[in-house]
Amino acid sequence: MVIGACRVKLRLPENGSLKGKRHVVKSLLE
């Protein structure tokens, strides 16, 4: 989960939209 959280922080600046955030969350849950 720590690695996933780091990935989210890295991706958030690129995906500022809600769709981008949802995509990141889905990728973590899979």
Protein backbone atom coordinates (compact mmCIF):
# COMPACT_ATOMS: atom_id res chain seq x y z
CA MET A 1 0.00 0.00 0.00
CA VAL A 2 2.91 2.35 0.69
CA ILE A 3 4.21 1.88 -2.85
CA GLY A 4 0.70 2.40 -4.20
CA ALA A 5 0.33 5.62 -2.21
CA CYS A 6 3.62 6.87 -3.65
CA ARG A 7 2.40 6.07 -7.15
CA VAL A 8 -0.82 7.97 -6.51
CA LYS A 9 1.12 11.02 -5.34
CA LEU A 10 3.25 10.85 -8.48
CA ARG A 11 0.23 10.47 -10.75
CA LEU A 12 -2.02 13.09 -9.13
CA PRO A 13 -0.24 16.09 -10.73
CA GLU A 14 -0.75 14.48 -14.15
CA ASN A 15 -4.32 13.35 -13.46
CA GLY A 16 -5.89 16.30 -11.68
CA SER A 17 -9.37 15.42 -12.89
CA LEU A 18 -11.77 13.15 -11.01
CA LYS A 19 -11.57 10.59 -13.81
CA GLY A 20 -7.81 10.48 -13.42
CA LYS A 21 -8.08 9.93 -9.67
CA ARG A 22 -10.72 7.22 -10.12
CA HIS A 23 -8.48 5.47 -12.65
CA VAL A 24 -5.59 5.47 -10.17
CA VAL A 25 -7.82 4.12 -7.40
CA LYS A 26 -9.12 1.34 -9.64
CA SER A 27 -5.58 0.40 -10.65
CA LEU A 28 -4.65 0.11 -6.95
CA LEU A 29 -7.68 -2.05 -6.12
CA GLU A 30 -6.97 -4.53 -8.92
